[in-house]
Protein backbone atom coordinates (compact mmCIF):
# COMPACT_ATOMS: atom_id res chain seq x y z
CA MET A 1 88.48 100.33 92.36
CA TYR A 2 87.44 99.96 95.98
CA ASP A 3 87.76 96.37 97.23
CA ILE A 4 87.63 96.86 100.96
CA ASP A 5 85.43 93.83 101.66
CA THR A 6 87.15 91.21 99.54
CA ASP A 7 88.71 88.35 101.50
CA GLN A 8 91.66 88.41 99.15
CA ARG A 9 92.46 91.98 100.18
CA LEU A 10 92.20 91.19 103.90
CA ASN A 11 94.36 88.08 103.59
CA ASN A 12 97.17 90.18 102.13
CA TYR A 13 98.09 91.42 105.62
CA SER A 14 100.68 89.23 107.33
CA ASP A 15 100.93 88.98 111.11
CA LYS A 16 104.30 90.71 110.94
CA GLU A 17 102.87 93.65 109.00
CA ILE A 18 99.90 93.98 111.36
CA LEU A 19 102.15 93.91 114.45
CA LYS A 20 104.44 96.50 112.91
CA ARG A 21 101.59 98.87 112.13
CA LEU A 22 99.93 98.38 115.52
CA ALA A 23 103.26 99.04 117.22
CA SER A 24 103.59 102.33 115.33
CA TYR A 25 100.58 103.67 117.26
CA ALA A 26 102.10 102.62 120.59
CA ILE A 27 105.68 103.92 119.99
CA PRO A 28 104.87 107.58 120.91
CA TYR A 29 103.84 106.32 124.36
CA TRP A 30 106.86 104.10 124.94
CA LYS A 31 107.71 105.84 128.24
CA TYR A 32 104.35 104.86 129.72
CA PHE A 33 104.72 101.29 128.50
CA LEU A 34 108.25 101.15 129.97
CA LEU A 35 106.97 102.41 133.33
CA THR A 36 104.17 99.86 133.22
CA PHE A 37 106.67 97.12 132.40
CA LEU A 38 108.86 98.05 135.38
CA LEU A 39 105.85 98.06 137.72
CA MET A 40 104.83 94.71 136.29
CA VAL A 41 108.29 93.19 136.90
CA ILE A 42 108.18 94.33 140.57
CA SER A 43 104.66 92.92 141.09
CA VAL A 44 105.70 89.59 139.48
CA ILE A 45 108.71 89.31 141.82
CA PHE A 46 106.47 89.76 144.86
CA ALA A 47 103.92 87.32 143.43
CA LEU A 48 106.64 84.66 142.95
CA PHE A 49 107.51 84.79 146.64
CA GLU A 50 103.98 83.94 147.79
CA PRO A 51 103.89 80.13 147.08
CA PHE A 52 107.35 79.74 148.68
CA LEU A 53 106.28 81.62 151.81
CA ILE A 54 103.16 79.43 152.07
CA GLY A 55 105.39 76.33 152.00
CA VAL A 56 107.75 77.77 154.63
CA SER A 57 104.73 78.55 156.86
CA ILE A 58 103.47 74.97 156.55
CA ASP A 59 106.92 73.55 157.45
CA LEU A 60 107.13 75.85 160.48
CA LEU A 61 103.68 74.64 161.61
CA THR A 62 104.74 71.00 161.35
CA GLU A 63 107.81 71.53 163.54
CA THR A 64 107.66 70.78 167.25
CA PRO A 65 107.78 73.04 169.07
CA ILE A 66 106.39 75.71 166.73
CA ASP A 67 108.60 78.81 166.51
CA LEU A 68 105.92 81.53 166.71
CA SER A 69 108.29 84.46 166.25
CA GLN A 70 109.69 82.99 163.01
CA LEU A 71 106.18 82.04 161.82
CA THR A 72 104.93 85.57 162.55
CA LEU A 73 107.85 87.08 160.59
CA VAL A 74 107.11 84.86 157.59
CA LEU A 75 103.39 85.73 157.68
CA VAL A 76 104.16 89.49 157.95
CA ILE A 77 106.47 89.21 154.91
CA PHE A 78 103.73 87.22 153.14
CA ALA A 79 101.12 89.95 153.87
CA LEU A 80 103.46 92.71 152.76
CA SER A 81 104.23 90.91 149.48
CA ILE A 82 100.50 90.58 148.76
CA ILE A 83 99.86 94.31 149.51
CA LEU A 84 102.84 95.54 147.52
CA SER A 85 102.07 93.22 144.58
CA ALA A 86 98.46 94.49 144.50
CA GLY A 87 99.60 98.11 144.78
CA PHE A 88 102.05 97.89 141.90
CA GLU A 89 99.49 96.04 139.81
CA TYR A 90 96.93 98.79 140.48
CA MET A 91 99.32 101.52 139.29
CA GLN A 92 100.21 99.42 136.25
CA THR A 93 96.52 98.98 135.34
CA ILE A 94 95.68 102.70 135.66
CA ILE A 95 98.63 103.83 133.50
CA LEU A 96 97.96 101.12 130.92
CA GLN A 97 94.23 101.86 130.65
CA LYS A 98 94.81 105.60 130.14
CA THR A 99 97.50 104.94 127.53
CA GLY A 100 95.41 102.37 125.70
CA GLN A 101 92.37 104.64 125.59
CA THR A 102 94.52 107.46 124.18
CA ILE A 103 95.94 105.21 121.45
CA VAL A 104 92.49 103.99 120.40
CA TYR A 105 91.18 107.59 120.52
CA ASN A 106 93.94 108.65 118.11
CA MET A 107 93.30 105.67 115.84
CA ARG A 108 89.56 106.38 115.72
CA GLU A 109 90.33 110.01 114.84
CA GLU A 110 92.68 108.89 112.07
CA VAL A 111 90.14 106.47 110.57
CA PHE A 112 87.32 109.03 110.64
CA THR A 113 89.52 111.78 109.16
CA HIS A 114 90.70 109.39 106.44
CA VAL A 115 87.12 108.45 105.58
CA GLU A 116 86.17 112.15 105.41
CA ARG A 117 88.85 112.70 102.74
CA GLN A 118 87.60 109.95 100.44
CA ASP A 119 85.88 110.95 97.24
CA TYR A 120 82.23 110.52 96.38
CA GLU A 121 82.63 107.15 94.62
CA TYR A 122 83.96 105.59 97.82
CA PHE A 123 80.69 106.15 99.67
CA THR A 124 78.59 104.87 96.77
CA LYS A 125 80.40 101.51 96.85
CA ILE A 126 80.72 100.83 100.59
CA PRO A 127 77.63 100.44 102.84
CA THR A 128 77.45 102.99 105.65
CA GLY A 129 76.92 100.29 108.28
CA LYS A 130 80.24 98.68 107.40
CA LEU A 131 82.08 101.96 107.77
CA VAL A 132 80.39 102.52 111.14
CA THR A 133 81.58 99.06 112.24
CA ARG A 134 85.16 99.93 111.27
CA VAL A 135 85.25 103.33 112.98
CA ALA A 136 83.40 102.33 116.16
CA ASN A 137 83.48 98.57 116.82
CA ASP A 138 86.79 97.55 115.23
CA THR A 139 88.77 100.36 116.82
CA ASN A 140 87.22 99.52 120.20
CA THR A 141 88.35 95.90 119.81
CA LEU A 142 91.93 97.16 119.66
CA ASN A 143 91.50 98.93 123.00
CA GLU A 144 91.54 95.63 124.89
CA MET A 145 94.68 94.56 123.06
CA TYR A 146 96.57 97.69 124.04
CA THR A 147 95.26 97.71 127.63
CA ASN A 148 95.16 94.00 128.38
CA VAL A 149 97.51 92.16 126.08
CA ILE A 150 100.71 94.06 125.29
CA VAL A 151 102.07 94.25 128.85
CA ASN A 152 100.24 91.23 130.27
CA VAL A 153 101.73 88.95 127.64
CA PHE A 154 105.16 89.93 128.94
CA ARG A 155 103.87 89.54 132.51
CA ASN A 156 102.67 86.01 131.86
CA LEU A 157 105.83 85.04 130.00
CA LEU A 158 107.93 86.44 132.85
CA MET A 159 105.73 84.62 135.34
CA ILE A 160 106.18 81.32 133.46
CA VAL A 161 109.98 81.72 133.37
CA GLY A 162 110.07 82.78 137.03
CA ILE A 163 107.90 79.83 138.12
CA LEU A 164 110.03 77.36 136.19
CA GLY A 165 113.12 78.82 137.89
CA ALA A 166 111.49 78.50 141.30
CA MET A 167 110.46 74.90 140.53
CA PHE A 168 114.03 73.92 139.56
CA TRP A 169 115.30 75.64 142.66
CA LEU A 170 112.88 73.72 144.89
CA ASN A 171 113.17 70.31 143.19
CA ALA A 172 114.85 69.78 139.81
CA GLU A 173 113.50 66.23 139.40
CA LEU A 174 109.84 67.30 139.72
CA ALA A 175 110.46 70.31 137.49
CA LEU A 176 111.82 68.08 134.70
CA LEU A 177 108.70 65.90 134.93
CA ILE A 178 106.53 68.99 134.50
CA LEU A 179 108.57 70.03 131.45
CA ALA A 180 107.64 66.73 129.80
CA VAL A 181 104.06 68.06 129.51
CA THR A 182 105.20 71.34 127.87
CA PRO A 183 105.42 70.02 124.25
CA PHE A 184 101.73 69.12 124.38
CA ILE A 185 100.92 72.65 125.57
CA ILE A 186 102.83 74.11 122.61
CA ILE A 187 101.13 71.78 120.08
CA PHE A 188 97.61 72.52 121.33
CA SER A 189 98.31 76.27 121.42
CA PHE A 190 99.60 76.22 117.81
CA VAL A 191 96.47 74.38 116.61
CA PHE A 192 94.28 76.77 118.61
CA ARG A 193 95.98 79.77 117.02
CA ARG A 194 95.30 78.52 113.52
CA PHE A 195 91.60 77.89 114.03
CA SER A 196 90.86 80.90 116.24
CA ARG A 197 92.26 83.39 113.67
CA LYS A 198 89.97 82.05 110.99
CA ALA A 199 86.98 82.03 113.37
CA TYR A 200 87.56 85.64 114.45
CA ARG A 201 87.90 86.84 110.86
CA THR A 202 84.56 85.24 109.97
CA VAL A 203 82.84 86.78 113.01
CA ARG A 204 84.03 90.29 112.16
CA ALA A 205 82.93 89.91 108.51
CA ASN A 206 79.46 88.69 109.52
CA MET A 207 79.13 91.42 112.16
CA SER A 208 79.93 93.99 109.48
CA ARG A 209 77.23 92.53 107.18
CA VAL A 210 74.62 92.68 109.95
CA ASN A 211 75.50 96.30 110.76
CA GLY A 212 75.39 97.22 107.08
CA PHE A 213 71.95 95.63 106.69
CA LEU A 214 70.62 97.40 109.79
CA ALA A 215 71.97 100.82 108.78
CA GLU A 216 70.37 100.55 105.34
CA HIS A 217 67.02 99.13 106.33
CA LEU A 218 66.44 101.22 109.44
CA SER A 219 66.94 104.31 107.28
CA GLY A 220 64.53 102.88 104.67
CA MET A 221 61.98 101.46 107.13
CA LYS A 222 59.24 103.72 105.78
CA VAL A 223 59.55 102.11 102.34
CA VAL A 224 59.62 98.62 103.89
CA GLN A 225 56.38 99.31 105.78
CA ILE A 226 54.58 101.04 102.90
CA PHE A 227 55.19 98.05 100.62
CA ASN A 228 54.39 95.59 103.42
CA LYS A 229 57.81 93.91 103.16
CA GLU A 230 58.40 93.37 106.89
CA GLU A 231 58.31 89.58 106.59
CA GLU A 232 60.73 89.48 103.64
CA LYS A 233 63.16 91.83 105.35
CA HIS A 234 62.88 89.87 108.57
CA GLU A 235 63.86 86.75 106.62
CA GLU A 236 66.86 88.54 105.11
CA PHE A 237 67.95 89.79 108.53
CA ASN A 238 67.39 86.35 110.02
CA GLU A 239 69.74 84.82 107.43
CA LYS A 240 72.51 87.29 108.22
CA ASN A 241 71.88 87.03 111.96
CA THR A 242 71.97 83.23 111.75
CA GLU A 243 75.32 83.36 109.94
CA LEU A 244 76.67 85.65 112.65
CA ARG A 245 75.45 83.31 115.38
CA ARG A 246 76.99 80.29 113.63
CA SER A 247 80.34 82.01 113.26
CA GLU A 248 80.29 83.11 116.92
CA LEU A 249 79.45 79.55 117.99
CA ARG A 250 82.34 78.22 115.90
CA GLU A 251 84.57 80.75 117.61
CA LEU A 252 83.29 79.64 121.04
CA LEU A 253 83.76 75.99 120.09
CA VAL A 254 87.43 76.57 119.33
CA PHE A 255 88.00 78.16 122.73
CA ALA A 256 85.74 75.63 124.49
CA ILE A 257 88.00 72.81 123.26
CA TYR A 258 91.22 74.61 124.12
CA ARG A 259 90.42 75.53 127.75
CA PRO A 260 89.41 71.98 128.89
CA THR A 261 92.49 70.62 127.11
CA MET A 262 94.70 72.94 129.15
CA TYR A 263 92.85 71.94 132.32
CA MET A 264 93.39 68.26 131.51
CA LEU A 265 97.13 68.85 131.11
CA PHE A 266 97.12 70.70 134.45
CA MET A 267 95.43 67.78 136.20
CA ILE A 268 97.91 65.31 134.65
CA SER A 269 100.77 67.49 135.95
CA THR A 270 99.13 67.62 139.40
CA ILE A 271 98.88 63.81 139.52
CA ILE A 272 102.55 63.53 138.53
CA ILE A 273 103.57 65.95 141.31
CA PHE A 274 101.66 64.21 144.08
CA LEU A 275 102.66 60.76 142.83
CA TYR A 276 106.42 61.43 142.74
CA GLY A 277 106.48 64.23 145.33
CA GLY A 278 104.42 62.16 147.79
CA ARG A 279 106.93 59.32 147.48
CA GLN A 280 109.78 61.76 148.28
CA VAL A 281 107.86 63.07 151.30
CA VAL A 282 107.43 59.49 152.59
CA GLU A 283 111.16 58.83 152.00
CA GLY A 284 111.99 62.04 153.89
CA THR A 285 113.82 63.72 150.97
CA LEU A 286 111.08 66.38 150.55
CA THR A 287 109.05 68.31 153.14
CA VAL A 288 105.28 68.73 152.98
CA GLY A 289 105.71 72.52 152.80
CA ILE A 290 107.97 72.30 149.74
CA LEU A 291 105.48 69.92 148.05
CA VAL A 292 102.64 72.37 148.73
CA SER A 293 104.83 75.24 147.39
CA PHE A 294 105.55 73.18 144.29
CA TYR A 295 101.84 72.52 143.75
CA ASN A 296 101.08 76.23 144.11
CA TYR A 297 103.81 77.04 141.58
CA LEU A 298 102.33 74.43 139.23
CA ARG A 299 98.87 75.99 139.56
CA ARG A 300 100.35 79.41 138.87
CA PHE A 301 102.32 77.95 135.97
CA PHE A 302 99.07 77.02 134.20
CA GLU A 303 97.26 80.27 135.10
CA PRO A 304 99.44 82.47 132.85
CA ILE A 305 99.23 79.79 130.12
CA GLN A 306 95.43 79.98 130.31
CA GLN A 307 95.63 83.77 130.33
CA LEU A 308 97.97 83.68 127.35
CA ALA A 309 95.33 81.66 125.53
CA GLU A 310 92.66 84.23 126.40
CA GLN A 311 95.00 87.06 125.46
CA PHE A 312 95.76 85.25 122.23
CA ASN A 313 92.01 85.18 121.69
CA ILE A 314 91.98 88.97 122.08
CA VAL A 315 94.97 89.26 119.74
CA GLN A 316 93.15 87.24 117.07
CA SER A 317 90.12 89.51 117.43
CA ALA A 318 92.38 92.57 117.28
CA PHE A 319 94.19 91.25 114.20
CA ALA A 320 90.88 90.58 112.44
CA SER A 321 89.73 94.13 113.30
CA SER A 322 93.12 95.57 112.32
CA GLU A 323 92.88 93.99 108.89
CA ARG A 324 89.55 95.73 108.31
CA ILE A 325 90.81 99.08 109.68
CA PHE A 326 93.98 98.95 107.59
CA ALA A 327 91.87 98.05 104.54
CA ILE A 328 90.19 101.45 105.03
CA LEU A 329 93.42 103.35 105.70
CA ASP A 330 95.04 101.79 102.61
CA GLU A 331 92.27 103.03 100.34
CA HIS A 332 93.31 106.34 98.83
CA PRO A 333 91.09 108.86 97.05
CA GLN A 334 91.00 108.70 93.26
CA VAL A 335 90.54 112.48 93.08
CA LEU A 336 93.60 114.23 94.51
CA ASP A 337 95.20 117.67 94.49
CA GLU A 338 97.96 118.18 91.93
CA PRO A 339 101.39 118.88 93.51
CA ASP A 340 101.28 122.46 92.15
CA ALA A 341 97.57 123.05 92.93
CA ILE A 342 96.72 126.62 93.92
CA GLU A 343 94.35 128.42 96.30
CA LEU A 344 91.69 130.69 94.80
CA ASP A 345 91.32 133.94 96.72
CA GLU A 346 88.66 135.38 94.46
CA VAL A 347 86.27 133.69 92.02
CA LYS A 348 84.31 135.56 89.31
CA GLY A 349 82.31 132.50 88.36
CA GLU A 350 83.18 131.93 84.68
CA ILE A 351 82.80 128.23 83.86
CA GLU A 352 83.81 126.49 80.65
CA PHE A 353 83.61 122.86 79.55
CA LYS A 354 85.93 122.03 76.63
CA ASP A 355 85.26 118.78 74.77
CA VAL A 356 84.60 116.88 78.03
CA TRP A 357 84.33 113.09 77.88
CA PHE A 358 83.38 111.14 80.99
CA ARG A 359 82.31 107.62 81.96
CA TYR A 360 81.59 105.83 85.24
CA VAL A 361 82.00 102.38 83.67
CA GLU A 362 84.40 101.29 80.95
CA ASP A 363 83.02 101.87 77.40
CA GLU A 364 79.80 103.49 78.70
CA TRP A 365 80.23 107.18 78.03
CA VAL A 366 77.94 109.48 80.00
CA LEU A 367 79.26 112.70 78.46
CA LYS A 368 80.51 112.80 74.85
CA GLY A 369 82.49 115.84 73.87
CA VAL A 370 80.43 118.35 75.88
CA SER A 371 81.43 122.00 75.39
CA PHE A 372 79.75 125.14 76.74
CA LYS A 373 80.59 128.39 78.52
CA VAL A 374 78.89 130.12 81.43
CA ASN A 375 79.70 133.79 82.04
CA PRO A 376 80.15 135.24 85.56
CA LYS A 377 76.83 135.67 87.46
CA GLU A 378 74.95 134.02 84.61
CA SER A 379 72.18 131.52 85.40
CA VAL A 380 72.17 128.35 83.29
CA ALA A 381 69.75 125.42 83.39
CA PHE A 382 70.32 121.90 82.10
CA VAL A 383 67.34 119.90 80.86
CA GLY A 384 66.91 116.52 79.26
CA ALA A 385 65.73 112.99 79.90
CA THR A 386 66.94 110.94 82.83
CA GLY A 387 70.47 109.72 82.11
CA ALA A 388 71.26 112.57 79.73
CA GLY A 389 74.21 113.64 81.92
CA LYS A 390 72.78 116.72 83.68
CA THR A 391 73.73 115.81 87.25
CA THR A 392 77.07 114.41 86.07
CA ILE A 393 78.04 117.85 84.72
CA LEU A 394 77.43 119.40 88.16
CA SER A 395 79.37 116.62 89.90
CA LEU A 396 82.35 117.11 87.60
CA LEU A 397 82.48 120.84 88.37
CA THR A 398 83.09 120.10 92.09
CA ARG A 399 85.46 117.23 91.15
CA ASP A 400 83.39 114.48 92.73
CA TYR A 401 84.93 112.59 89.79
CA ASP A 402 87.71 113.38 87.36
CA ILE A 403 87.06 113.44 83.61
CA GLN A 404 88.76 111.07 81.16
CA SER A 405 89.29 113.66 78.42
CA GLY A 406 88.86 117.35 77.84
CA GLN A 407 89.10 120.33 80.18
CA ILE A 408 86.92 122.08 82.77
CA LEU A 409 87.92 125.69 83.46
CA LEU A 410 86.97 128.03 86.31
CA ASP A 411 87.88 131.63 85.57
CA GLY A 412 90.18 130.30 82.85
CA ILE A 413 92.01 127.92 85.26
CA ASP A 414 91.84 124.14 84.85
CA ILE A 415 90.03 122.90 87.97
CA THR A 416 92.62 120.11 88.40
CA LYS A 417 95.13 122.90 89.12
CA ILE A 418 92.99 124.22 91.98
CA LYS A 419 93.07 122.69 95.47
CA LEU A 420 89.92 120.70 96.13
CA SER A 421 89.20 122.49 99.42
CA SER A 422 89.58 125.87 97.70
CA LEU A 423 87.43 124.86 94.71
CA ARG A 424 84.59 123.53 96.84
CA SER A 425 84.68 126.48 99.27
CA HIS A 426 83.48 128.70 96.41
CA VAL A 427 80.63 126.38 95.39
CA GLY A 428 77.28 125.99 97.16
CA VAL A 429 75.25 122.87 96.38
CA MET A 430 71.47 122.46 96.91
CA LEU A 431 70.08 118.99 96.23
CA GLN A 432 66.62 117.51 95.90
CA ASP A 433 67.13 115.32 98.97
CA VAL A 434 68.24 117.77 101.64
CA PHE A 435 70.33 116.18 104.36
CA MET A 436 69.89 117.66 107.81
CA PHE A 437 71.85 116.78 110.91
CA SER A 438 70.48 116.30 114.42
CA GLY A 439 70.72 119.60 116.27
CA THR A 440 68.95 122.90 115.67
CA ILE A 441 67.95 124.94 112.62
CA LYS A 442 70.83 127.32 113.38
CA SER A 443 73.43 124.53 113.62
CA ASN A 444 72.19 123.06 110.33
CA ILE A 445 72.57 126.41 108.59
CA THR A 446 76.00 127.28 110.02
CA LEU A 447 77.20 123.63 110.07
CA ARG A 448 78.63 124.61 113.49
CA ASP A 449 80.92 127.24 111.97
CA GLU A 450 81.44 129.61 114.91
CA ASP A 451 82.59 132.42 112.59
CA ILE A 452 79.04 132.77 111.25
CA THR A 453 77.03 135.13 113.45
CA GLU A 454 73.38 134.74 114.40
CA GLN A 455 72.54 137.92 112.50
CA GLU A 456 74.05 136.47 109.33
CA VAL A 457 71.85 133.39 109.80
CA ILE A 458 68.74 135.54 110.23
CA ASP A 459 69.62 137.68 107.19
CA ALA A 460 70.19 134.60 105.03
CA CYS A 461 66.86 133.09 106.09
CA LYS A 462 65.02 136.34 105.33
CA TYR A 463 66.68 136.52 101.92
CA VAL A 464 65.47 133.05 100.92
CA ASN A 465 62.07 133.37 102.65
CA ALA A 466 62.87 130.66 105.22
CA ASP A 467 62.10 133.13 108.03
CA LYS A 468 58.39 132.96 107.16
CA PHE A 469 58.04 129.52 108.81
CA ILE A 470 61.01 129.70 111.22
CA GLU A 471 59.62 132.78 113.02
CA LYS A 472 56.43 130.84 113.77
CA LEU A 473 58.31 128.05 115.59
CA PRO A 474 58.40 128.08 119.43
CA ASN A 475 62.20 128.27 119.59
CA ARG A 476 62.71 129.96 116.21
CA TYR A 477 66.32 129.35 115.08
CA ASP A 478 67.00 127.10 118.09
CA GLU A 479 64.13 124.79 117.20
CA PRO A 480 65.35 121.14 117.42
CA VAL A 481 65.99 119.15 114.26
CA ARG A 482 65.48 115.42 114.54
CA GLU A 483 67.44 112.84 112.55
CA ARG A 484 67.44 113.73 108.82
CA GLY A 485 65.10 116.66 109.59
CA ASN A 486 62.02 114.44 109.50
CA ASN A 487 60.09 116.91 111.67
CA TYR A 488 60.08 119.42 108.77
CA SER A 489 58.40 119.30 105.37
CA ALA A 490 60.38 118.84 102.16
CA GLY A 491 59.84 122.49 101.28
CA GLN A 492 60.98 123.72 104.70
CA ARG A 493 64.11 121.60 104.49
CA GLN A 494 64.82 123.00 101.04
CA LEU A 495 64.51 126.62 102.25
CA ILE A 496 66.88 125.81 105.13
CA SER A 497 69.35 124.37 102.60
CA PHE A 498 69.10 127.59 100.58
CA ALA A 499 69.94 129.57 103.72
CA ARG A 500 72.78 127.17 104.49
CA THR A 501 74.25 127.72 101.04
CA LEU A 502 73.79 131.50 101.14
CA VAL A 503 75.34 132.01 104.58
CA HIS A 504 78.59 130.37 103.39
CA LYS A 505 78.84 133.03 100.63
CA PRO A 506 79.49 130.89 97.52
CA ASN A 507 80.42 132.42 94.18
CA ILE A 508 78.82 129.54 92.26
CA MET A 509 75.50 127.91 93.20
CA ILE A 510 74.36 124.49 92.04
CA LEU A 511 70.73 123.40 92.23
CA ASP A 512 70.20 119.74 91.38
CA GLU A 513 66.43 119.10 91.24
CA ALA A 514 66.18 121.38 94.28
CA THR A 515 62.62 122.39 93.40
CA ALA A 516 61.24 118.88 92.86
CA ASN A 517 58.53 117.42 95.12
CA ILE A 518 57.65 120.82 96.61
CA ASP A 519 54.10 121.89 97.39
CA THR A 520 52.65 124.79 95.39
CA GLU A 521 52.73 127.34 98.25
CA THR A 522 56.36 126.57 99.11
CA GLU A 523 57.29 126.52 95.42
CA GLU A 524 56.26 130.16 95.13
CA LEU A 525 58.58 131.04 98.04
CA ILE A 526 61.39 129.03 96.48
CA GLN A 527 60.88 130.67 93.05
CA GLU A 528 61.10 134.09 94.70
CA SER A 529 64.26 132.97 96.55
CA LEU A 530 65.83 131.70 93.33
CA LYS A 531 65.29 135.01 91.56
CA LYS A 532 67.10 136.78 94.41
CA MET A 533 69.92 134.23 94.53
CA MET A 534 70.56 134.56 90.79
CA ASN A 535 71.92 138.04 91.52
CA ILE A 536 74.54 136.74 93.96
CA GLY A 537 76.73 134.61 91.67
CA THR A 538 76.84 132.10 88.85
CA MET A 539 73.98 129.59 89.11
CA LEU A 540 73.73 126.15 87.50
CA ILE A 541 70.34 124.44 87.69
CA VAL A 542 69.07 120.97 86.88
CA ALA A 543 65.28 120.89 86.81
CA HIS A 544 62.55 118.76 85.36
CA ARG A 545 59.91 121.44 86.01
CA LEU A 546 60.44 123.77 83.07
CA SER A 547 58.35 126.43 84.83
CA THR A 548 61.16 126.95 87.32
CA ILE A 549 63.81 127.80 84.72
CA GLN A 550 62.00 130.14 82.33
CA HIS A 551 63.82 133.19 83.70
CA VAL A 552 67.39 131.84 83.49
CA ASP A 553 69.89 133.39 81.09
CA LYS A 554 70.56 130.20 79.18
CA ILE A 555 69.10 126.69 78.88
CA ILE A 556 71.28 123.78 77.69
CA VAL A 557 69.37 120.76 76.34
CA LEU A 558 71.14 117.40 76.70
CA GLN A 559 70.40 114.01 75.19
CA LYS A 560 72.49 110.87 75.72
CA GLY A 561 75.51 112.84 76.89
CA GLU A 562 75.53 115.38 74.07
CA ILE A 563 74.32 118.98 73.77
CA LEU A 564 71.40 119.30 71.34
CA GLU A 565 70.44 122.95 71.82
CA GLN A 566 71.21 125.95 73.94
CA GLY A 567 69.64 129.39 74.29
CA SER A 568 67.07 131.30 76.33
CA HIS A 569 63.60 129.94 77.01
CA GLN A 570 61.98 132.03 74.28
CA GLU A 571 64.79 131.32 71.77
CA LEU A 572 64.43 127.57 72.22
CA LEU A 573 60.65 127.72 71.88
CA ARG A 574 61.02 129.64 68.60
CA GLN A 575 63.44 126.97 67.30
CA LYS A 576 60.76 124.31 67.87
CA GLY A 577 63.39 121.69 68.58
CA HIS A 578 63.76 119.18 71.41
CA TYR A 579 63.12 121.76 74.15
CA TYR A 580 59.91 122.83 72.40
CA TYR A 581 58.84 119.19 72.32
CA LEU A 582 59.57 118.77 76.08
CA TYR A 583 57.71 121.98 76.86
CA LYS A 584 54.64 120.91 74.89
CA LEU A 585 54.74 117.49 76.53
CA GLN A 586 54.86 118.97 80.04
CA TYR A 587 52.13 121.56 79.43
CA LYS A 588 49.88 119.75 76.99
CA ASP A 589 46.91 120.02 79.41
CA GLN A 590 47.22 123.82 79.48
């Protein structure tokens, strides 16, 4: 049972587990991270010298007479430290960005590949928009963590330790006073962490809901407009959009409280420094330059703390995204290859169902002890009322689902003993709702398989009569196909799907309502194509139009998951059973 969106599932991931799994993606690139770390250490060392050199410069300027040669030397060293620090930081950034982008690229590939391997039920239960959010948005959120957080967290921690060391070296008394403020920093950061994690998780969940709503309703906009439901759908979107805005505002509120709190602590520390440091300057135990250096160190002490807070913000966002990505990666297909599954080199096309029982939902059987046999290159049609189990039979043959009881055999071999990829490579499926990808007619037929030649595409189109409209197009087989093929009629899309199936040379062909909703002229072309295709291999057909299946070898009549009758068109009419009743009902006007 897929439960990818339940909060309970997401909450099962501990911070330790998330860190461990995120680290596993970075480990192959440890050399680059090590190099970045070394560059970072060098740039931090140079950066730590800068406040001290400023203080020395000020003390040299207050001396009389001013030693220009010594002042010049200090300023030259100061300039060199700035240049070298910037140079090392630049190299660090370039290496880190390239490494981070590579890691996220690999993760995105892994998520997409994993989603591709899921079985049919997975995509019926999870909205497409939510999957898009996981593959695109959530993986991109991790990019900033790898490129901005991993090394910079160490940089900021190193900077804090280095600054504290410099403070104690300059004036231990003032440094101890600053440390008195540190417990408050820790307390506020701990509270911030708790609330920000929750806020980020809510934002990601609401963002996913908005994307899911958009993906569904933009695809179905025609229906929305036909039924004049724009206002209702706008209200639904507004509710989800409002929830997203509220969660984002709560997230901003958490950070908006934390940043001023840190600034307040910085100002309190500054007052302490000038109050006690100023007294020492007056007493002559501290120079003005050292006091200025101390202030600059204090300012730099709070900068990495502020950055740590921002980076912690990124970490919380990354953790929230990671939970959702790992929820996908931890979902495994229900339909899997057996350990001893085999490859099929050659398929004759003999199909047999033996006492097959199947259900989608507990105690609601869709098929009840179904048994039948289809001989090689035989054409068989399934008819019956909606819900009789016709489409389910076709889905079970390609193992979109696994049966609960019984056996399905292909050439005498149980299909569970055949590798899924091998089984499906021998089956061509043509559906009522033909899905076409953006591209060209040729790319939709070949599905970008470079092994299929242009001549094979042309021959396939001629065989199924698709060439009759393709040859009239300005660019013929290179004619553009818009999203979902909406610049072609239903009949044209169906003929293209026939060519697509034929060019991949299947041994078994499945037509699930493939001739429904077709205009009369195109139906004649499709009927002619079907007669030709019946000679290629075994054909299984589901059709409500009984006129389209009169020439098949066998018709199987289903009702409520059971087989009532089977035989040829003429045999079933002579029996005057359920098929005869359906035929009379459909052609009563004639």
